Protein backbone atom coordinates (compact mmCIF):
# COMPACT_ATOMS: atom_id res chain seq x y z
CA MET A 1 -23.98 -14.54 57.02
CA ARG A 2 -22.19 -16.59 54.39
CA ASP A 3 -25.32 -16.56 52.17
CA ALA A 4 -25.56 -12.80 52.52
CA ARG A 5 -21.95 -12.36 51.46
CA PHE A 6 -22.51 -14.70 48.53
CA ARG A 7 -25.59 -12.78 47.43
CA GLY A 8 -23.68 -9.55 47.81
CA THR A 9 -20.89 -10.90 45.64
CA LEU A 10 -23.38 -11.95 42.97
CA VAL A 11 -25.02 -8.54 43.05
CA GLY A 12 -21.62 -6.88 42.76
CA ILE A 13 -20.70 -9.03 39.79
CA ALA A 14 -24.06 -8.35 38.15
CA VAL A 15 -23.66 -4.60 38.66
CA ALA A 16 -20.12 -4.69 37.27
CA LEU A 17 -21.28 -6.68 34.23
CA ALA A 18 -24.17 -4.29 33.70
CA ILE A 19 -21.84 -1.29 33.86
CA PHE A 20 -19.40 -2.98 31.46
CA GLU A 21 -22.23 -3.85 29.07
CA ALA A 22 -23.53 -0.28 29.21
CA GLY A 23 -20.04 1.02 28.48
CA ALA A 24 -19.68 -1.41 25.60
CA TYR A 25 -23.06 -0.29 24.24
CA LEU A 26 -21.99 3.36 24.28
CA ALA A 27 -18.64 2.50 22.70
CA VAL A 28 -20.26 0.47 19.91
CA ARG A 29 -22.82 3.15 19.14
CA THR A 30 -20.14 5.85 19.08
CA LEU A 31 -17.83 3.86 16.81
CA ALA A 32 -20.67 2.91 14.47
CA ARG A 33 -21.43 6.59 13.86
CA GLY A 34 -17.82 7.63 13.24
CA ARG A 35 -14.97 6.82 10.89
CA ALA A 36 -14.95 3.23 12.15
CA ALA A 37 -18.46 2.59 10.83
CA PHE A 38 -17.07 0.09 8.29
CA LEU A 39 -16.34 -2.25 11.21
CA PHE A 40 -20.08 -2.80 11.72
CA TYR A 41 -22.82 -4.20 9.55
CA GLN A 42 -25.49 -1.57 9.07
CA PRO A 43 -28.48 -3.00 7.14
CA PRO A 44 -29.32 -0.76 4.17
CA ALA A 45 -32.09 1.73 4.86
CA LEU A 46 -33.85 1.13 1.56
CA THR A 47 -37.57 1.16 0.88
CA ARG A 48 -39.12 -0.93 -1.86
CA ALA A 49 -40.13 2.22 -3.74
CA ASP A 50 -36.57 3.57 -3.64
CA TYR A 51 -35.17 0.24 -4.76
CA GLU A 52 -37.61 -0.08 -7.65
CA GLU A 53 -36.71 3.44 -8.79
CA TYR A 54 -33.03 2.48 -8.61
CA LEU A 55 -33.66 -0.62 -10.75
CA ALA A 56 -35.49 1.49 -13.32
CA ILE A 57 -32.72 4.06 -13.77
CA ARG A 58 -29.44 2.25 -12.99
CA ASP A 59 -26.83 1.29 -15.52
CA PRO A 60 -27.40 -2.49 -15.71
CA GLU A 61 -23.74 -3.24 -16.44
CA LEU A 62 -21.83 -0.68 -14.36
CA GLY A 63 -24.31 0.35 -11.67
CA TRP A 64 -23.73 4.09 -12.00
CA PRO A 65 -23.89 6.76 -13.31
CA ALA A 66 -27.48 6.38 -14.44
CA PRO A 67 -27.89 6.94 -18.19
CA ARG A 68 -30.16 9.91 -17.47
CA GLU A 69 -27.20 11.71 -15.84
CA LEU A 70 -25.43 12.03 -19.19
CA ASN A 71 -25.54 15.51 -20.72
CA GLY A 72 -26.33 16.87 -17.27
CA ARG A 73 -24.40 18.80 -14.65
CA ARG A 74 -21.56 16.28 -14.18
CA TYR A 75 -21.20 14.55 -17.56
CA ASP A 76 -21.51 15.53 -21.20
CA ARG A 77 -23.41 13.40 -23.72
CA SER A 78 -20.41 11.10 -24.29
CA GLY A 79 -20.17 10.25 -20.58
CA SER A 80 -17.05 12.36 -20.05
CA ARG A 81 -16.83 15.01 -17.38
CA TRP A 82 -17.38 18.40 -18.99
CA VAL A 83 -14.09 19.69 -20.43
CA PRO A 84 -14.35 23.49 -20.63
CA ALA A 85 -11.13 23.79 -22.64
CA PHE A 86 -12.59 21.54 -25.40
CA PRO A 87 -16.30 21.01 -24.67
CA ALA A 88 -17.33 19.21 -27.87
CA PRO A 89 -17.13 15.40 -27.53
CA GLY A 90 -14.92 13.57 -29.99
CA ASN A 91 -11.35 13.85 -31.26
CA ALA A 92 -9.78 13.49 -27.82
CA CYS A 93 -6.00 13.11 -27.73
CA VAL A 94 -6.07 11.52 -24.24
CA SER A 95 -8.80 9.68 -22.35
CA LEU A 96 -8.97 9.09 -18.59
CA TYR A 97 -10.65 6.30 -16.62
CA GLY A 98 -10.88 5.75 -12.88
CA ASP A 99 -12.70 6.96 -9.78
CA SER A 100 -13.26 10.32 -8.10
CA PHE A 101 -9.53 11.11 -8.12
CA THR A 102 -9.56 10.81 -11.90
CA TYR A 103 -12.84 12.73 -12.13
CA SER A 104 -11.43 15.34 -9.67
CA ASP A 105 -14.21 15.57 -7.13
CA GLU A 106 -14.48 18.78 -5.10
CA VAL A 107 -13.06 21.12 -7.75
CA GLY A 108 -14.93 22.73 -10.62
CA HIS A 109 -14.73 21.55 -14.21
CA ALA A 110 -12.10 24.14 -15.10
CA ASP A 111 -9.76 23.15 -12.24
CA ALA A 112 -10.00 19.39 -12.79
CA TRP A 113 -6.57 18.03 -13.68
CA GLY A 114 -7.90 16.55 -16.91
CA ASN A 115 -9.06 19.96 -18.11
CA VAL A 116 -5.79 21.60 -17.01
CA LEU A 117 -3.91 18.95 -18.99
CA ALA A 118 -6.13 19.61 -22.02
CA GLU A 119 -5.24 23.31 -21.89
CA TRP A 120 -1.54 22.49 -21.86
CA LEU A 121 -1.78 19.89 -24.63
CA GLY A 122 -4.06 22.00 -26.81
CA CYS A 123 -6.49 19.12 -27.36
CA ARG A 124 -9.43 17.45 -25.65
CA VAL A 125 -8.77 15.14 -22.68
CA ALA A 126 -11.95 13.07 -22.23
CA ASN A 127 -12.46 12.32 -18.54
CA TYR A 128 -14.48 9.15 -17.93
CA GLY A 129 -13.69 9.01 -14.21
CA VAL A 130 -16.67 8.29 -11.96
CA GLY A 131 -16.91 8.77 -8.21
CA ALA A 132 -16.74 5.60 -6.05
CA TYR A 133 -15.71 3.41 -9.00
CA GLY A 134 -13.62 0.32 -8.55
CA THR A 135 -10.94 -0.55 -11.08
CA ASP A 136 -13.34 -3.21 -12.33
CA GLN A 137 -15.97 -0.63 -13.29
CA ALA A 138 -13.33 1.56 -14.91
CA LEU A 139 -12.22 -1.41 -17.03
CA LEU A 140 -15.79 -2.29 -18.05
CA ARG A 141 -16.45 1.36 -18.90
CA PHE A 142 -13.31 1.36 -21.05
CA GLU A 143 -14.43 -1.83 -22.82
CA ARG A 144 -17.85 -0.33 -23.45
CA HIS A 145 -16.35 2.80 -25.01
CA GLN A 146 -14.11 0.67 -27.19
CA ARG A 147 -17.05 -1.42 -28.39
CA ASN A 148 -19.04 1.72 -29.14
CA GLY A 149 -16.10 3.33 -30.88
CA ASP A 150 -16.48 6.67 -29.12
CA ASP A 151 -13.05 6.76 -27.46
CA PRO A 152 -10.58 7.23 -30.31
CA ALA A 153 -7.89 8.81 -28.11
CA PRO A 154 -4.46 7.33 -28.94
CA VAL A 155 -3.38 7.67 -25.28
CA THR A 156 -5.41 6.38 -22.32
CA VAL A 157 -4.70 6.79 -18.61
CA LEU A 158 -6.14 4.56 -15.88
CA GLY A 159 -6.27 6.19 -12.45
CA PHE A 160 -5.98 4.01 -9.35
CA PHE A 161 -6.51 5.40 -5.85
CA VAL A 162 -4.78 3.09 -3.36
CA ARG A 163 -7.96 2.48 -1.38
CA ASP A 164 -9.69 1.22 -4.54
CA VAL A 165 -8.38 -2.24 -3.67
CA LEU A 166 -11.29 -2.51 -1.21
CA ARG A 167 -13.78 -1.72 -3.96
CA ASN A 168 -12.17 -4.30 -6.20
CA VAL A 169 -13.14 -7.15 -3.85
CA THR A 170 -16.74 -6.18 -3.17
CA GLN A 171 -20.07 -6.45 -4.95
CA TYR A 172 -21.81 -3.95 -2.67
CA LEU A 173 -20.08 -0.75 -1.56
CA HIS A 174 -22.53 -0.28 1.29
CA LEU A 175 -20.76 -3.06 3.20
CA ASP A 176 -17.61 -0.92 3.32
CA PHE A 177 -18.91 2.66 3.26
CA GLY A 178 -22.16 2.08 5.18
CA ASN A 179 -24.07 4.89 3.45
CA HIS A 180 -24.57 3.66 -0.13
CA PRO A 181 -27.68 1.45 0.01
CA THR A 182 -27.98 1.10 -3.80
CA ALA A 183 -24.25 0.85 -4.61
CA PHE A 184 -24.38 -2.61 -6.19
CA LYS A 185 -21.52 -3.19 -8.60
CA PRO A 186 -19.80 -5.77 -10.76
CA ARG A 187 -16.43 -7.14 -9.76
CA PHE A 188 -13.72 -9.45 -11.08
CA VAL A 189 -12.52 -12.69 -9.54
CA LEU A 190 -9.41 -14.72 -10.25
CA ASP A 191 -9.93 -17.59 -12.66
CA GLU A 192 -6.95 -19.73 -13.72
CA GLY A 193 -4.44 -16.90 -13.80
CA SER A 194 -6.69 -14.21 -15.25
CA VAL A 195 -9.73 -12.25 -14.09
CA ARG A 196 -13.35 -13.03 -14.85
CA ALA A 197 -16.24 -10.57 -14.56
CA ILE A 198 -19.07 -11.16 -12.06
CA PRO A 199 -22.12 -9.05 -12.98
CA ILE A 200 -24.13 -6.81 -10.69
CA PRO A 201 -26.11 -8.87 -8.14
CA ARG A 202 -29.71 -9.56 -9.09
CA ILE A 203 -32.07 -9.01 -6.16
CA ALA A 204 -35.82 -8.95 -6.69
CA PRO A 205 -37.84 -6.25 -4.88
CA ASP A 206 -39.73 -9.01 -3.05
CA ASP A 207 -36.42 -10.20 -1.57
CA LEU A 208 -35.27 -6.81 -0.30
CA ALA A 209 -36.01 -7.48 3.38
CA LEU A 210 -34.41 -10.93 3.19
CA PHE A 211 -31.35 -9.40 1.53
CA ALA A 212 -30.95 -6.82 4.30
CA ASP A 213 -31.11 -9.57 6.91
CA GLN A 214 -29.06 -12.21 5.08
CA PRO A 215 -26.93 -10.60 2.36
CA GLU A 216 -24.78 -13.72 2.17
CA ARG A 217 -27.63 -15.47 0.35
CA PHE A 218 -27.33 -13.02 -2.55
CA LEU A 219 -23.65 -12.06 -2.67
CA ALA A 220 -21.73 -15.19 -3.53
CA ASP A 221 -18.50 -13.34 -4.34
CA GLU A 222 -18.45 -10.80 -1.51
CA THR A 223 -15.45 -10.16 0.75
CA PHE A 224 -17.15 -8.04 3.41
CA LEU A 225 -20.10 -10.21 4.38
CA PRO A 226 -21.42 -9.49 7.90
CA GLY A 227 -19.81 -11.71 10.52
CA SER A 228 -17.03 -12.89 8.21
CA ARG A 229 -13.35 -12.40 8.98
CA LEU A 230 -13.16 -9.18 6.95
CA GLY A 231 -16.79 -8.11 7.20
CA GLY A 232 -18.61 -5.88 9.62
CA THR A 233 -19.95 -7.08 12.96
CA ARG A 234 -23.70 -7.18 13.52
CA ILE A 235 -24.76 -4.82 16.29
CA GLY A 236 -26.79 -6.32 19.12
CA PHE A 237 -26.76 -7.76 22.64
CA PRO A 238 -24.38 -8.61 24.20
CA TYR A 239 -22.53 -5.47 23.18
CA ALA A 240 -19.42 -6.55 25.06
CA LEU A 241 -18.94 -9.39 22.57
CA VAL A 242 -19.58 -7.02 19.66
CA LEU A 243 -16.94 -4.66 21.00
CA ALA A 244 -14.49 -7.53 21.56
CA ARG A 245 -14.85 -8.71 17.97
CA VAL A 246 -14.47 -5.19 16.59
CA LEU A 247 -11.31 -4.58 18.62
CA THR A 248 -9.71 -7.66 17.05
CA HIS A 249 -10.77 -6.81 13.48
CA GLU A 250 -7.91 -7.07 10.98
CA ARG A 251 -8.35 -3.55 9.60
CA LEU A 252 -8.45 -2.00 13.06
CA ARG A 253 -5.33 -3.92 14.06
CA ALA A 254 -3.59 -2.54 10.99
CA ARG A 255 -4.39 1.02 12.04
CA VAL A 256 -3.22 0.40 15.59
CA ALA A 257 0.03 -0.96 14.13
CA GLY A 258 0.46 2.25 12.13
CA ARG A 259 -0.57 0.90 8.71
CA PRO A 260 -3.43 2.17 6.52
CA ASN A 261 -6.43 -0.09 7.05
CA TRP A 262 -6.38 -1.09 3.37
CA ALA A 263 -2.63 -1.80 3.16
CA ASP A 264 -2.83 -5.54 3.92
CA PHE A 265 -5.23 -5.98 0.98
CA LEU A 266 -2.36 -4.96 -1.31
CA THR A 267 0.02 -7.62 0.01
CA PRO A 268 0.65 -10.92 -1.80
CA GLY A 269 -1.47 -13.81 -0.64
CA HIS A 270 -3.98 -11.80 1.39
CA SER A 271 -7.20 -13.77 1.86
CA SER A 272 -9.20 -11.18 -0.11
CA GLY A 273 -7.02 -11.65 -3.19
CA GLY A 274 -7.01 -7.86 -3.43
CA LEU A 275 -3.53 -7.46 -4.90
CA GLU A 276 -3.91 -10.28 -7.39
CA VAL A 277 -7.38 -9.18 -8.56
CA THR A 278 -6.25 -5.56 -8.90
CA VAL A 279 -3.11 -6.47 -10.86
CA GLY A 280 -5.14 -8.81 -13.09
CA THR A 281 -7.73 -6.10 -13.77
CA ILE A 282 -5.13 -3.47 -14.60
CA LYS A 283 -3.22 -5.95 -16.78
CA ARG A 284 -6.40 -6.71 -18.74
CA PHE A 285 -6.95 -2.97 -19.20
CA THR A 286 -3.45 -2.38 -20.58
CA ASP A 287 -3.53 -5.54 -22.73
CA GLN A 288 -6.65 -4.25 -24.43
CA CYS A 289 -4.97 -0.89 -24.93
CA ARG A 290 -2.11 -2.55 -26.79
CA ALA A 291 -4.49 -4.72 -28.84
CA ARG A 292 -6.20 -1.54 -30.04
CA THR A 293 -2.90 0.27 -30.72
CA LYS A 294 -3.42 2.66 -27.84
CA ARG A 295 -0.63 3.74 -25.52
CA CYS A 296 -1.65 3.39 -21.87
CA PHE A 297 -0.26 3.87 -18.40
CA VAL A 298 -1.55 3.74 -14.85
CA VAL A 299 -1.49 6.67 -12.42
CA VAL A 300 -1.41 5.62 -8.75
CA PHE A 301 -2.94 8.19 -6.40
CA PRO A 302 -1.71 8.01 -2.79
CA SER A 303 -3.91 8.61 0.25
CA PRO A 304 -3.06 10.84 3.21
CA SER A 305 -2.49 7.68 5.28
CA SER A 306 -0.12 6.18 2.70
CA LEU A 307 1.95 9.37 2.49
CA ASP A 308 2.05 9.51 6.28
CA HIS A 309 3.24 5.89 6.39
CA LEU A 310 5.87 6.66 3.75
CA ALA A 311 7.15 9.64 5.75
CA ARG A 312 7.34 7.63 9.00
CA THR A 313 8.77 4.37 7.71
CA GLY A 314 10.31 5.11 4.33
CA THR A 315 8.06 2.43 2.79
CA ASP A 316 5.14 3.09 0.46
CA PRO A 317 2.32 0.69 1.47
CA SER A 318 1.39 0.29 -2.20
CA HIS A 319 4.87 -0.88 -3.21
CA HIS A 320 3.72 -4.48 -3.79
CA LEU A 321 1.24 -3.19 -6.35
CA THR A 322 3.66 -1.00 -8.27
CA ALA A 323 6.31 -3.75 -8.24
CA SER A 324 3.81 -6.37 -9.45
CA LEU A 325 2.62 -4.10 -12.25
CA ALA A 326 6.18 -3.37 -13.33
CA ARG A 327 6.90 -7.12 -13.50
CA ALA A 328 3.77 -7.52 -15.63
CA GLY A 329 5.07 -4.93 -18.08
CA VAL A 330 2.59 -2.22 -17.09
CA ASP A 331 3.75 1.40 -17.29
CA VAL A 332 3.08 3.00 -13.89
CA LEU A 333 3.28 6.58 -12.69
CA ASP A 334 3.24 6.61 -8.88
CA LEU A 335 2.35 10.15 -7.84
CA ALA A 336 3.68 9.79 -4.28
CA PRO A 337 7.35 10.66 -4.98
CA GLY A 338 6.42 13.70 -7.07
CA ILE A 339 3.98 14.94 -4.45
CA VAL A 340 6.59 14.57 -1.70
CA ARG A 341 9.18 16.45 -3.78
CA TYR A 342 6.76 19.25 -4.54
CA LEU A 343 5.67 19.68 -0.92
CA GLY A 344 9.24 20.03 0.28
CA GLY A 345 8.29 19.41 3.89
CA ARG A 346 4.86 21.03 3.78
CA SER A 347 1.82 19.07 4.89
CA TYR A 348 -0.11 17.14 2.25
CA GLN A 349 -3.25 18.68 3.76
CA GLU A 350 -2.38 21.90 1.93
CA LEU A 351 -3.18 20.14 -1.36
CA LEU A 352 -6.48 18.65 -0.19
CA ALA A 353 -10.02 19.91 -0.41
CA SER A 354 -11.30 17.56 2.32
CA THR A 355 -10.32 14.83 4.75
CA ASP A 356 -11.34 12.28 2.08
CA GLY A 357 -8.07 13.06 0.32
CA HIS A 358 -9.51 14.71 -2.79
CA HIS A 359 -7.26 17.42 -4.15
CA ASN A 360 -7.96 21.12 -4.24
CA ALA A 361 -7.11 23.22 -7.31
CA GLU A 362 -3.41 23.34 -6.44
CA GLY A 363 -3.31 19.59 -5.89
CA ASP A 364 -5.04 18.91 -9.21
CA ARG A 365 -2.67 21.23 -11.00
CA LEU A 366 0.21 19.24 -9.52
CA VAL A 367 -1.35 15.99 -10.78
CA ALA A 368 -1.62 17.55 -14.26
CA THR A 369 2.05 18.56 -14.05
CA LEU A 370 3.22 15.08 -13.08
CA VAL A 371 1.05 13.35 -15.70
CA HIS A 372 2.20 15.80 -18.37
CA ALA A 373 5.84 15.14 -17.49
CA HIS A 374 5.23 11.39 -17.80
CA LEU A 375 3.58 11.84 -21.19
CA VAL A 376 6.57 13.84 -22.40
CA ALA A 377 9.11 11.39 -20.95
CA ARG A 378 7.40 8.49 -22.74
CA GLY A 379 7.33 10.41 -26.02
CA LEU A 380 3.52 10.39 -26.07
CA VAL A 381 3.20 14.16 -26.46
CA PRO A 382 5.67 16.86 -27.47
CA PRO A 383 7.11 19.12 -24.75
CA THR A 384 5.08 22.23 -23.95
CA PRO A 385 7.67 24.88 -23.08
CA GLU A 386 5.11 27.53 -22.17
CA ARG A 387 3.18 25.34 -19.76
CA PRO A 388 2.32 27.46 -16.68
CA PRO A 389 4.08 26.50 -13.43
CA VAL A 390 2.07 24.58 -10.87
CA GLY A 391 3.03 26.96 -8.10
CA HIS A 392 5.82 27.38 -5.61
CA SER A 393 6.54 25.19 -2.63
CA ARG A 394 7.54 27.01 0.49
């Protein structure tokens, strides 16, 4: 009788564990396909043929865009986004560098804030923003243009989207985004008080399978290595342990606590060095501007989560960055206050083209307005009294 009860207890425990494991499996698979995919390591789905084609066409210094994309649909022959107001490359009065928020993804060339600004200024605004760029790539692109002498603009703007801090501490965007198998990039690391460039990882086609299984062997300066404190968790049995690790992940804990999942990376002393690397990279950008007699400033683009945090707590999660840049003597235009004033209680979603946070035409026109006002306030351009209004807040 006692043995029967014992066996029954064991069976009950086994069934309960099996049910829990099945539930954990479903939870892991669901999370890995959703917005929490960055919490898991998903080996790149990359064939040798695809990888060899990537190696043949990539930009060996920056990663992307590929040189063959110049003078195509997205970029003119100089590497700028097409500027309908002043389409001929050269003689720009302002140049822009940054990621997709500088490029103005999800609006047409005419509605991009750089083109709107060009119309108001009456001169070409060359837009060298590139989607998914880190600040490191933007800096290297700027240095390349300076070496080549094809960016004579006396004023240069560096765009920084708050989430770019994650890109600034990675060599491989796939480890964060999960759907960019060839997004290898350079990055900067701290080196005795300044930043030093680490080139794009070199991985031979013969090592592709080994890389997918053990990326740590090829990415010596990577923050998001699988199984590390900040990296994704490998998916596999037992799924209960996978789920347990994911639920204690630092970036998930930040979201549960009501902070953007990137916010801790912009705090002093974070283990990623995100704030320090970002400040060092931006400082190097502006130092080179001054050395070449350019006038430069940084435009900080908020995210929907950072504006939500600001509205709830009164604190901008990027305040450590803007304060650090100000102490370093960097001119900063934080768009968040101007956006909040313009909205006047409306939802930020009304200025967005998608949940990614990219602006629609109204949002880009607002960015142009705020940047133009900063240019005028700094004496970099004359006032434009007939500049069209951005619109009316309700």
